[in-house]
Amino acid sequence: MSIPDRAAGSRRGRRNDPGRRDRIVDACLEVIAGSGVAGTSHRKVAAQAAVPLGAMTYYFDGIDDLLRAAFTRFATTVSDRFERRMASAPHRAAARDAVAAIILEDVFGDARELVLSHELYTLAARDPAYRSITAEWMRRSRAALERHFDPETARLLDALIEGLTIHRALDSGARDPREVRTAIARITAAPAERS
């Protein structure tokens, strides 16, 4: 078979279910959220996606290929939302509020995304092949923050968001929204305001 004969999203060119690859990627994220990367298998993902197990090989070269596709989709979705929040802020005060919303609503508000984030971080820490996904995610986050803040402040805010993500995942107590807003205000204060 020549390369032009292959259908998009399929190694062997089958077009009988054009949404199948997307369903498999979404199902993979659900399996990871419920069972972790270690508990994710082609069999579980196929069952979650309601596709035959053999169909998995039409779309992915192996479990790593599937995991990369799933985590790339997840990171892109989160980054897109992050960018929209920061882009909609018309001024610096609104940008501070956007950062607070990212932390309090997006990070703290979705247990599934919290688990997926940590599964990706752990995988990227162990396997350099996944670091390109986290590196692009961080690059996009910082670029979105730099719409309103200098690069150093953007890095500090990004570190605050990531650090609070870890705390949210491991701390059973509720986070006081005032504490989050205070941290954002301190990080984003002008030098004269910090002293």
N, C-alpha and C. Protein backbone atom coordinates (compact mmCIF):
# COMPACT_ATOMS: atom_id res chain seq x y z
N MET A 1 0.85 -1.17 0.00
CA MET A 1 0.00 0.00 0.00
C MET A 1 0.89 1.23 0.00
N SER A 2 0.59 2.20 -0.80
CA SER A 2 1.38 3.43 -0.82
C SER A 2 0.89 4.36 0.26
N ILE A 3 1.77 5.24 0.67
CA ILE A 3 1.43 6.18 1.75
C ILE A 3 0.20 7.02 1.42
N PRO A 4 0.02 7.54 0.19
CA PRO A 4 -1.17 8.34 -0.09
C PRO A 4 -2.48 7.58 0.08
N ASP A 5 -2.46 6.23 0.02
CA ASP A 5 -3.68 5.47 0.18
C ASP A 5 -4.13 5.34 1.63
N ARG A 6 -3.28 5.75 2.55
CA ARG A 6 -3.62 5.59 3.97
C ARG A 6 -4.56 6.70 4.43
N ALA A 7 -5.53 6.35 5.21
CA ALA A 7 -6.45 7.34 5.77
C ALA A 7 -5.80 8.03 6.96
N ALA A 8 -6.19 9.27 7.18
CA ALA A 8 -5.68 10.01 8.34
C ALA A 8 -6.06 9.29 9.61
N GLY A 9 -5.10 9.17 10.53
CA GLY A 9 -5.37 8.56 11.83
C GLY A 9 -5.38 7.05 11.81
N SER A 10 -5.00 6.44 10.69
CA SER A 10 -5.01 4.99 10.62
C SER A 10 -3.77 4.51 9.90
N ARG A 11 -3.06 3.59 10.53
CA ARG A 11 -1.84 3.07 9.90
C ARG A 11 -2.16 2.25 8.67
N ARG A 12 -3.28 1.60 8.61
CA ARG A 12 -3.58 0.71 7.49
C ARG A 12 -4.67 1.26 6.57
N GLY A 13 -5.11 2.48 6.82
CA GLY A 13 -6.03 3.12 5.88
C GLY A 13 -7.49 2.74 6.01
N ARG A 14 -7.92 2.16 7.09
CA ARG A 14 -9.33 1.78 7.24
C ARG A 14 -10.15 2.99 7.65
N ARG A 15 -11.29 3.17 7.00
CA ARG A 15 -12.13 4.33 7.27
C ARG A 15 -13.50 3.94 7.84
N ASN A 16 -13.67 2.75 8.30
CA ASN A 16 -15.00 2.32 8.72
C ASN A 16 -15.54 3.04 9.94
N ASP A 17 -14.70 3.71 10.69
CA ASP A 17 -15.15 4.43 11.89
C ASP A 17 -14.23 5.64 12.08
N PRO A 18 -14.53 6.75 11.41
CA PRO A 18 -13.60 7.89 11.44
C PRO A 18 -13.39 8.52 12.82
N GLY A 19 -14.29 8.31 13.77
CA GLY A 19 -14.12 8.87 15.10
C GLY A 19 -13.46 7.92 16.08
N ARG A 20 -13.09 6.74 15.60
CA ARG A 20 -12.57 5.70 16.49
C ARG A 20 -11.28 6.13 17.19
N ARG A 21 -10.32 6.69 16.47
CA ARG A 21 -9.05 7.06 17.07
C ARG A 21 -9.27 8.05 18.22
N ASP A 22 -10.11 9.05 17.99
CA ASP A 22 -10.40 10.02 19.06
C ASP A 22 -11.06 9.36 20.26
N ARG A 23 -11.98 8.43 20.00
CA ARG A 23 -12.62 7.71 21.10
C ARG A 23 -11.61 6.91 21.90
N ILE A 24 -10.66 6.31 21.21
CA ILE A 24 -9.63 5.52 21.89
C ILE A 24 -8.76 6.43 22.76
N VAL A 25 -8.38 7.58 22.25
CA VAL A 25 -7.55 8.52 23.02
C VAL A 25 -8.32 9.00 24.26
N ASP A 26 -9.59 9.36 24.07
CA ASP A 26 -10.40 9.79 25.22
C ASP A 26 -10.57 8.66 26.23
N ALA A 27 -10.78 7.46 25.74
CA ALA A 27 -10.91 6.30 26.63
C ALA A 27 -9.62 6.05 27.40
N CYS A 28 -8.50 6.25 26.74
CA CYS A 28 -7.21 6.06 27.41
C CYS A 28 -7.09 7.02 28.60
N LEU A 29 -7.50 8.27 28.41
CA LEU A 29 -7.44 9.23 29.51
C LEU A 29 -8.34 8.80 30.66
N GLU A 30 -9.51 8.25 30.35
CA GLU A 30 -10.40 7.77 31.40
C GLU A 30 -9.78 6.60 32.16
N VAL A 31 -9.15 5.70 31.44
CA VAL A 31 -8.51 4.56 32.09
C VAL A 31 -7.36 5.03 32.97
N ILE A 32 -6.55 5.96 32.46
CA ILE A 32 -5.44 6.49 33.27
C ILE A 32 -5.98 7.15 34.53
N ALA A 33 -7.05 7.94 34.40
CA ALA A 33 -7.63 8.62 35.56
C ALA A 33 -8.12 7.62 36.60
N GLY A 34 -8.60 6.48 36.15
CA GLY A 34 -9.13 5.48 37.09
C GLY A 34 -8.12 4.47 37.58
N SER A 35 -7.14 4.12 36.73
CA SER A 35 -6.22 3.03 37.06
C SER A 35 -4.76 3.44 37.07
N GLY A 36 -4.46 4.67 36.69
CA GLY A 36 -3.08 5.11 36.59
C GLY A 36 -2.42 4.56 35.33
N VAL A 37 -1.26 5.11 35.02
CA VAL A 37 -0.51 4.65 33.85
C VAL A 37 -0.17 3.17 34.01
N ALA A 38 0.25 2.79 35.21
CA ALA A 38 0.65 1.39 35.44
C ALA A 38 -0.50 0.42 35.21
N GLY A 39 -1.72 0.86 35.42
CA GLY A 39 -2.87 -0.01 35.24
C GLY A 39 -3.54 0.12 33.88
N THR A 40 -2.92 0.87 32.98
CA THR A 40 -3.50 1.09 31.65
C THR A 40 -2.97 0.05 30.68
N SER A 41 -3.88 -0.58 29.96
CA SER A 41 -3.51 -1.59 28.97
C SER A 41 -4.38 -1.39 27.73
N HIS A 42 -3.93 -1.98 26.63
CA HIS A 42 -4.74 -1.93 25.41
C HIS A 42 -6.11 -2.54 25.66
N ARG A 43 -6.14 -3.62 26.41
CA ARG A 43 -7.41 -4.31 26.68
C ARG A 43 -8.39 -3.39 27.42
N LYS A 44 -7.91 -2.72 28.48
CA LYS A 44 -8.79 -1.82 29.25
C LYS A 44 -9.25 -0.64 28.40
N VAL A 45 -8.34 -0.08 27.62
CA VAL A 45 -8.70 1.08 26.79
C VAL A 45 -9.70 0.66 25.71
N ALA A 46 -9.48 -0.48 25.08
CA ALA A 46 -10.41 -0.96 24.06
C ALA A 46 -11.80 -1.16 24.65
N ALA A 47 -11.86 -1.74 25.84
CA ALA A 47 -13.16 -1.94 26.50
C ALA A 47 -13.82 -0.60 26.80
N GLN A 48 -13.06 0.35 27.31
CA GLN A 48 -13.61 1.67 27.64
C GLN A 48 -14.10 2.38 26.37
N ALA A 49 -13.38 2.21 25.26
CA ALA A 49 -13.75 2.87 24.00
C ALA A 49 -14.80 2.09 23.22
N ALA A 50 -15.11 0.88 23.67
CA ALA A 50 -16.06 0.01 22.98
C ALA A 50 -15.60 -0.29 21.56
N VAL A 51 -14.32 -0.66 21.44
CA VAL A 51 -13.77 -1.06 20.15
C VAL A 51 -13.13 -2.43 20.31
N PRO A 52 -13.02 -3.20 19.25
CA PRO A 52 -12.35 -4.49 19.35
C PRO A 52 -10.88 -4.31 19.73
N LEU A 53 -10.37 -5.19 20.53
CA LEU A 53 -8.98 -5.11 20.97
C LEU A 53 -8.03 -5.04 19.77
N GLY A 54 -8.28 -5.82 18.75
CA GLY A 54 -7.43 -5.82 17.57
C GLY A 54 -7.39 -4.49 16.84
N ALA A 55 -8.41 -3.67 17.02
CA ALA A 55 -8.45 -2.37 16.34
C ALA A 55 -7.39 -1.41 16.86
N MET A 56 -6.89 -1.66 18.05
CA MET A 56 -5.91 -0.75 18.65
C MET A 56 -4.67 -0.63 17.77
N THR A 57 -4.27 -1.73 17.15
CA THR A 57 -3.04 -1.71 16.34
C THR A 57 -3.21 -0.93 15.05
N TYR A 58 -4.42 -0.66 14.63
CA TYR A 58 -4.63 0.16 13.44
C TYR A 58 -4.27 1.62 13.70
N TYR A 59 -4.35 2.05 14.95
CA TYR A 59 -4.18 3.46 15.27
C TYR A 59 -2.91 3.78 16.04
N PHE A 60 -2.37 2.80 16.77
CA PHE A 60 -1.22 3.07 17.64
C PHE A 60 -0.19 1.95 17.52
N ASP A 61 1.08 2.34 17.54
CA ASP A 61 2.17 1.38 17.40
C ASP A 61 2.43 0.59 18.68
N GLY A 62 1.85 1.01 19.76
CA GLY A 62 2.04 0.33 21.04
C GLY A 62 1.48 1.21 22.14
N ILE A 63 1.64 0.76 23.36
CA ILE A 63 1.08 1.50 24.49
C ILE A 63 1.73 2.86 24.66
N ASP A 64 3.03 2.98 24.38
CA ASP A 64 3.68 4.29 24.49
C ASP A 64 3.12 5.28 23.48
N ASP A 65 2.86 4.83 22.28
CA ASP A 65 2.27 5.69 21.26
C ASP A 65 0.89 6.17 21.71
N LEU A 66 0.12 5.27 22.27
CA LEU A 66 -1.21 5.62 22.79
C LEU A 66 -1.11 6.59 23.96
N LEU A 67 -0.22 6.33 24.91
CA LEU A 67 -0.06 7.22 26.06
C LEU A 67 0.39 8.61 25.62
N ARG A 68 1.31 8.68 24.66
CA ARG A 68 1.76 9.99 24.17
C ARG A 68 0.61 10.75 23.53
N ALA A 69 -0.19 10.07 22.74
CA ALA A 69 -1.35 10.72 22.12
C ALA A 69 -2.33 11.22 23.17
N ALA A 70 -2.60 10.40 24.17
CA ALA A 70 -3.55 10.77 25.21
C ALA A 70 -3.04 11.95 26.04
N PHE A 71 -1.79 11.87 26.48
CA PHE A 71 -1.25 12.95 27.31
C PHE A 71 -1.04 14.23 26.50
N THR A 72 -0.75 14.11 25.22
CA THR A 72 -0.65 15.31 24.38
C THR A 72 -2.01 15.99 24.29
N ARG A 73 -3.06 15.21 24.09
CA ARG A 73 -4.41 15.79 24.05
C ARG A 73 -4.75 16.44 25.37
N PHE A 74 -4.46 15.76 26.47
CA PHE A 74 -4.77 16.31 27.79
C PHE A 74 -4.03 17.63 28.01
N ALA A 75 -2.72 17.64 27.77
CA ALA A 75 -1.92 18.85 28.00
C ALA A 75 -2.37 19.99 27.10
N THR A 76 -2.73 19.68 25.87
CA THR A 76 -3.20 20.71 24.94
C THR A 76 -4.53 21.29 25.41
N THR A 77 -5.43 20.44 25.88
CA THR A 77 -6.73 20.91 26.37
C THR A 77 -6.56 21.83 27.57
N VAL A 78 -5.72 21.43 28.52
CA VAL A 78 -5.49 22.26 29.71
C VAL A 78 -4.81 23.57 29.31
N SER A 79 -3.82 23.50 28.43
CA SER A 79 -3.11 24.71 27.99
C SER A 79 -4.04 25.66 27.25
N ASP A 80 -4.91 25.13 26.42
CA ASP A 80 -5.87 25.98 25.70
C ASP A 80 -6.76 26.75 26.67
N ARG A 81 -7.25 26.07 27.69
CA ARG A 81 -8.11 26.71 28.69
C ARG A 81 -7.33 27.78 29.46
N PHE A 82 -6.09 27.45 29.83
CA PHE A 82 -5.21 28.38 30.54
C PHE A 82 -5.00 29.63 29.68
N GLU A 83 -4.69 29.43 28.40
CA GLU A 83 -4.47 30.57 27.50
C GLU A 83 -5.72 31.42 27.35
N ARG A 84 -6.88 30.78 27.25
CA ARG A 84 -8.13 31.55 27.12
C ARG A 84 -8.37 32.42 28.35
N ARG A 85 -8.13 31.86 29.54
CA ARG A 85 -8.32 32.64 30.76
C ARG A 85 -7.39 33.86 30.78
N MET A 86 -6.12 33.63 30.45
CA MET A 86 -5.17 34.74 30.50
C MET A 86 -5.43 35.75 29.38
N ALA A 87 -5.82 35.29 28.21
CA ALA A 87 -6.09 36.19 27.08
C ALA A 87 -7.32 37.05 27.33
N SER A 88 -8.27 36.55 28.11
CA SER A 88 -9.49 37.32 28.35
C SER A 88 -9.31 38.40 29.42
N ALA A 89 -8.18 38.41 30.10
CA ALA A 89 -7.93 39.41 31.14
C ALA A 89 -7.49 40.72 30.48
N PRO A 90 -8.27 41.79 30.63
CA PRO A 90 -7.93 43.04 29.95
C PRO A 90 -6.81 43.84 30.62
N HIS A 91 -6.51 43.54 31.87
CA HIS A 91 -5.48 44.31 32.59
C HIS A 91 -4.87 43.42 33.68
N ARG A 92 -3.86 43.95 34.35
CA ARG A 92 -3.10 43.18 35.32
C ARG A 92 -3.95 42.66 36.49
N ALA A 93 -4.85 43.48 37.00
CA ALA A 93 -5.70 43.03 38.11
C ALA A 93 -6.58 41.86 37.67
N ALA A 94 -7.11 41.95 36.46
CA ALA A 94 -7.92 40.85 35.93
C ALA A 94 -7.06 39.62 35.69
N ALA A 95 -5.79 39.83 35.33
CA ALA A 95 -4.87 38.70 35.14
C ALA A 95 -4.62 37.98 36.46
N ARG A 96 -4.51 38.74 37.55
CA ARG A 96 -4.38 38.11 38.87
C ARG A 96 -5.61 37.26 39.18
N ASP A 97 -6.79 37.80 38.86
CA ASP A 97 -8.02 37.04 39.07
C ASP A 97 -8.05 35.79 38.19
N ALA A 98 -7.54 35.90 36.97
CA ALA A 98 -7.49 34.74 36.07
C ALA A 98 -6.58 33.65 36.64
N VAL A 99 -5.44 34.04 37.20
CA VAL A 99 -4.54 33.07 37.83
C VAL A 99 -5.25 32.40 39.01
N ALA A 100 -5.96 33.19 39.80
CA ALA A 100 -6.70 32.62 40.92
C ALA A 100 -7.76 31.63 40.43
N ALA A 101 -8.44 31.96 39.34
CA ALA A 101 -9.45 31.05 38.78
C ALA A 101 -8.81 29.76 38.27
N ILE A 102 -7.64 29.88 37.66
CA ILE A 102 -6.92 28.68 37.19
C ILE A 102 -6.66 27.76 38.38
N ILE A 103 -6.20 28.34 39.48
CA ILE A 103 -5.88 27.53 40.67
C ILE A 103 -7.14 27.02 41.36
N LEU A 104 -8.05 27.92 41.68
CA LEU A 104 -9.20 27.56 42.51
C LEU A 104 -10.28 26.79 41.77
N GLU A 105 -10.46 27.07 40.48
CA GLU A 105 -11.52 26.40 39.72
C GLU A 105 -10.99 25.26 38.87
N ASP A 106 -9.91 25.51 38.15
CA ASP A 106 -9.42 24.48 37.23
C ASP A 106 -8.61 23.42 37.96
N VAL A 107 -7.61 23.84 38.72
CA VAL A 107 -6.73 22.89 39.41
C VAL A 107 -7.47 22.23 40.58
N PHE A 108 -8.06 23.03 41.44
CA PHE A 108 -8.71 22.48 42.63
C PHE A 108 -10.07 21.88 42.32
N GLY A 109 -10.68 22.27 41.20
CA GLY A 109 -12.06 21.90 40.92
C GLY A 109 -12.25 20.59 40.20
N ASP A 110 -11.17 19.98 39.70
CA ASP A 110 -11.34 18.79 38.88
C ASP A 110 -10.38 17.69 39.32
N ALA A 111 -10.89 16.74 40.09
CA ALA A 111 -10.05 15.65 40.62
C ALA A 111 -9.48 14.79 39.49
N ARG A 112 -10.24 14.60 38.42
CA ARG A 112 -9.76 13.80 37.29
C ARG A 112 -8.53 14.44 36.67
N GLU A 113 -8.59 15.73 36.40
CA GLU A 113 -7.44 16.42 35.80
C GLU A 113 -6.25 16.45 36.74
N LEU A 114 -6.52 16.52 38.02
CA LEU A 114 -5.44 16.48 39.00
C LEU A 114 -4.68 15.15 38.92
N VAL A 115 -5.41 14.07 38.84
CA VAL A 115 -4.79 12.75 38.72
C VAL A 115 -4.04 12.64 37.40
N LEU A 116 -4.65 13.06 36.31
CA LEU A 116 -3.99 12.99 35.00
C LEU A 116 -2.70 13.81 34.98
N SER A 117 -2.73 15.00 35.59
CA SER A 117 -1.53 15.83 35.65
C SER A 117 -0.39 15.09 36.35
N HIS A 118 -0.69 14.51 37.48
CA HIS A 118 0.36 13.83 38.25
C HIS A 118 0.83 12.55 37.59
N GLU A 119 -0.05 11.87 36.91
CA GLU A 119 0.37 10.69 36.15
C GLU A 119 1.34 11.12 35.04
N LEU A 120 1.04 12.22 34.37
CA LEU A 120 1.94 12.71 33.32
C LEU A 120 3.27 13.16 33.91
N TYR A 121 3.23 13.91 35.00
CA TYR A 121 4.48 14.39 35.63
C TYR A 121 5.37 13.20 36.02
N THR A 122 4.76 12.18 36.61
CA THR A 122 5.54 11.02 37.04
C THR A 122 6.14 10.30 35.84
N LEU A 123 5.35 10.14 34.80
CA LEU A 123 5.84 9.47 33.60
C LEU A 123 6.97 10.27 32.96
N ALA A 124 6.81 11.58 32.88
CA ALA A 124 7.84 12.43 32.28
C ALA A 124 9.11 12.46 33.13
N ALA A 125 8.97 12.35 34.44
CA ALA A 125 10.15 12.32 35.31
C ALA A 125 10.96 11.05 35.09
N ARG A 126 10.28 9.97 34.74
CA ARG A 126 10.95 8.68 34.55
C ARG A 126 11.42 8.46 33.11
N ASP A 127 10.70 9.02 32.15
CA ASP A 127 10.95 8.71 30.75
C ASP A 127 11.10 10.00 29.95
N PRO A 128 12.31 10.30 29.48
CA PRO A 128 12.55 11.54 28.74
C PRO A 128 11.67 11.69 27.49
N ALA A 129 11.17 10.61 26.94
CA ALA A 129 10.34 10.68 25.74
C ALA A 129 9.05 11.47 26.00
N TYR A 130 8.61 11.55 27.25
CA TYR A 130 7.38 12.27 27.58
C TYR A 130 7.65 13.72 27.99
N ARG A 131 8.90 14.07 28.17
CA ARG A 131 9.22 15.43 28.62
C ARG A 131 8.89 16.50 27.59
N SER A 132 8.85 16.12 26.33
CA SER A 132 8.48 17.12 25.33
C SER A 132 7.04 17.58 25.55
N ILE A 133 6.19 16.70 26.05
CA ILE A 133 4.80 17.08 26.34
C ILE A 133 4.75 18.07 27.49
N THR A 134 5.45 17.76 28.59
CA THR A 134 5.44 18.67 29.74
C THR A 134 6.18 19.96 29.44
N ALA A 135 7.26 19.88 28.64
CA ALA A 135 8.00 21.10 28.28
C ALA A 135 7.13 22.04 27.47
N GLU A 136 6.37 21.50 26.53
CA GLU A 136 5.47 22.34 25.72
C GLU A 136 4.35 22.91 26.59
N TRP A 137 3.86 22.12 27.51
CA TRP A 137 2.81 22.59 28.43
C TRP A 137 3.35 23.77 29.25
N MET A 138 4.54 23.63 29.82
CA MET A 138 5.12 24.72 30.61
C MET A 138 5.40 25.95 29.75
N ARG A 139 5.89 25.74 28.53
CA ARG A 139 6.18 26.86 27.64
C ARG A 139 4.91 27.65 27.35
N ARG A 140 3.83 26.94 27.07
CA ARG A 140 2.56 27.62 26.78
C ARG A 140 2.02 28.33 28.01
N SER A 141 2.14 27.71 29.18
CA SER A 141 1.67 28.35 30.42
C SER A 141 2.41 29.65 30.67
N ARG A 142 3.73 29.59 30.56
CA ARG A 142 4.53 30.79 30.81
C ARG A 142 4.27 31.87 29.77
N ALA A 143 4.10 31.48 28.53
CA ALA A 143 3.79 32.46 27.48
C ALA A 143 2.45 33.15 27.76
N ALA A 144 1.48 32.38 28.22
CA ALA A 144 0.18 32.97 28.56
C ALA A 144 0.30 33.94 29.73
N LEU A 145 1.09 33.56 30.73
CA LEU A 145 1.30 34.45 31.88
C LEU A 145 2.08 35.70 31.49
N GLU A 146 2.99 35.56 30.53
CA GLU A 146 3.81 36.70 30.11
C GLU A 146 3.01 37.73 29.31
N ARG A 147 1.78 37.46 29.01
CA ARG A 147 0.91 38.48 28.41
C ARG A 147 0.73 39.64 29.40
N HIS A 148 0.84 39.33 30.70
CA HIS A 148 0.56 40.33 31.74
C HIS A 148 1.71 40.53 32.72
N PHE A 149 2.64 39.58 32.78
CA PHE A 149 3.70 39.64 33.78
C PHE A 149 5.05 39.43 33.12
N ASP A 150 6.10 39.98 33.75
CA ASP A 150 7.45 39.79 33.22
C ASP A 150 7.82 38.30 33.32
N PRO A 151 8.85 37.86 32.57
CA PRO A 151 9.20 36.43 32.55
C PRO A 151 9.50 35.83 33.93
N GLU A 152 10.20 36.57 34.79
CA GLU A 152 10.50 36.01 36.12
C GLU A 152 9.22 35.81 36.93
N THR A 153 8.34 36.80 36.91
CA THR A 153 7.07 36.69 37.63
C THR A 153 6.23 35.55 37.04
N ALA A 154 6.26 35.41 35.72
CA ALA A 154 5.52 34.32 35.08
C ALA A 154 6.03 32.97 35.55
N ARG A 155 7.35 32.82 35.67
CA ARG A 155 7.92 31.55 36.15
C ARG A 155 7.50 31.28 37.60
N LEU A 156 7.50 32.33 38.42
CA LEU A 156 7.09 32.17 39.82
C LEU A 156 5.61 31.79 39.93
N LEU A 157 4.77 32.43 39.12
CA LEU A 157 3.35 32.08 39.13
C LEU A 157 3.13 30.65 38.65
N ASP A 158 3.86 30.26 37.62
CA ASP A 158 3.75 28.89 37.11
C ASP A 158 4.15 27.90 38.20
N ALA A 159 5.23 28.22 38.92
CA ALA A 159 5.68 27.35 40.02
C ALA A 159 4.64 27.31 41.14
N LEU A 160 4.00 28.43 41.42
CA LEU A 160 2.93 28.46 42.43
C LEU A 160 1.79 27.54 42.00
N ILE A 161 1.36 27.65 40.76
CA ILE A 161 0.26 26.82 40.26
C ILE A 161 0.63 25.35 40.37
N GLU A 162 1.82 24.99 39.91
CA GLU A 162 2.24 23.59 39.96
C GLU A 162 2.40 23.11 41.41
N GLY A 163 2.97 23.94 42.26
CA GLY A 163 3.14 23.56 43.66
C GLY A 163 1.82 23.36 44.37
N LEU A 164 0.86 24.23 44.10
CA LEU A 164 -0.45 24.07 44.71
C LEU A 164 -1.18 22.85 44.16
N THR A 165 -0.86 22.49 42.92
CA THR A 165 -1.42 21.26 42.36
C THR A 165 -0.98 20.05 43.19
N ILE A 166 0.30 20.03 43.54
CA ILE A 166 0.82 18.93 44.36
C ILE A 166 0.15 18.94 45.74
N HIS A 167 0.06 20.11 46.33
CA HIS A 167 -0.58 20.21 47.65
C HIS A 167 -2.03 19.75 47.58
N ARG A 168 -2.74 20.14 46.53
CA ARG A 168 -4.14 19.75 46.39
C ARG A 168 -4.28 18.24 46.27
N ALA A 169 -3.33 17.62 45.56
CA ALA A 169 -3.39 16.17 45.37
C ALA A 169 -3.11 15.41 46.66
N LEU A 170 -2.28 15.97 47.53
CA LEU A 170 -1.82 15.24 48.71
C LEU A 170 -2.43 15.69 50.02
N ASP A 171 -3.01 16.87 50.04
CA ASP A 171 -3.55 17.44 51.28
C ASP A 171 -5.06 17.24 51.30
N SER A 172 -5.56 16.60 52.33
CA SER A 172 -7.00 16.36 52.41
C SER A 172 -7.77 17.58 52.87
N GLY A 173 -7.09 18.58 53.43
CA GLY A 173 -7.77 19.78 53.89
C GLY A 173 -8.08 20.73 52.75
N ALA A 174 -9.10 21.53 52.94
CA ALA A 174 -9.48 22.52 51.92
C ALA A 174 -8.49 23.68 51.93
N ARG A 175 -8.23 24.23 50.78
CA ARG A 175 -7.33 25.37 50.63
C ARG A 175 -8.16 26.65 50.76
N ASP A 176 -7.71 27.58 51.58
CA ASP A 176 -8.40 28.85 51.77
C ASP A 176 -8.15 29.72 50.53
N PRO A 177 -9.21 30.13 49.84
CA PRO A 177 -9.03 30.97 48.65
C PRO A 177 -8.27 32.26 48.93
N ARG A 178 -8.40 32.78 50.16
CA ARG A 178 -7.67 34.02 50.49
C ARG A 178 -6.17 33.77 50.48
N GLU A 179 -5.74 32.59 50.92
CA GLU A 179 -4.32 32.25 50.92
C GLU A 179 -3.78 32.23 49.48
N VAL A 180 -4.56 31.67 48.56
CA VAL A 180 -4.16 31.63 47.15
C VAL A 180 -4.04 33.04 46.59
N ARG A 181 -5.04 33.88 46.86
CA ARG A 181 -5.02 35.26 46.35
C ARG A 181 -3.87 36.07 46.97
N THR A 182 -3.58 35.82 48.24
CA THR A 182 -2.46 36.50 48.89
C THR A 182 -1.14 36.11 48.23
N ALA A 183 -0.96 34.84 47.95
CA ALA A 183 0.27 34.37 47.29
C ALA A 183 0.42 35.01 45.91
N ILE A 184 -0.66 35.07 45.16
CA ILE A 184 -0.62 35.70 43.83
C ILE A 184 -0.27 37.17 43.96
N ALA A 185 -0.89 37.86 44.91
CA ALA A 185 -0.62 39.30 45.10
C ALA A 185 0.84 39.53 45.47
N ARG A 186 1.39 38.70 46.33
CA ARG A 186 2.79 38.87 46.73
C ARG A 186 3.75 38.63 45.56
N ILE A 187 3.49 37.60 44.78
CA ILE A 187 4.36 37.29 43.66
C ILE A 187 4.29 38.38 42.58
N THR A 188 3.11 38.95 42.37
CA THR A 188 2.93 39.91 41.30
C THR A 188 3.09 41.36 41.74
N ALA A 189 3.37 41.58 43.02
CA ALA A 189 3.52 42.95 43.51
C ALA A 189 4.75 43.61 42.89
N ALA A 190 4.64 44.92 42.68
CA ALA A 190 5.81 45.69 42.21
C ALA A 190 6.88 45.64 43.29
N PRO A 191 8.18 45.78 42.93
CA PRO A 191 9.25 45.70 43.92
C PRO A 191 9.03 46.58 45.14
N ALA A 192 8.51 47.79 44.96
CA ALA A 192 8.28 48.69 46.10
C ALA A 192 7.21 48.14 47.03
N GLU A 193 6.25 47.40 46.47
CA GLU A 193 5.17 46.83 47.28
C GLU A 193 5.64 45.61 48.09
N ARG A 194 6.73 44.98 47.68
CA ARG A 194 7.22 43.77 48.36
C ARG A 194 7.95 44.07 49.65
N SER A 195 8.49 45.26 49.77
CA SER A 195 9.30 45.56 50.96
C SER A 195 8.46 45.97 52.14
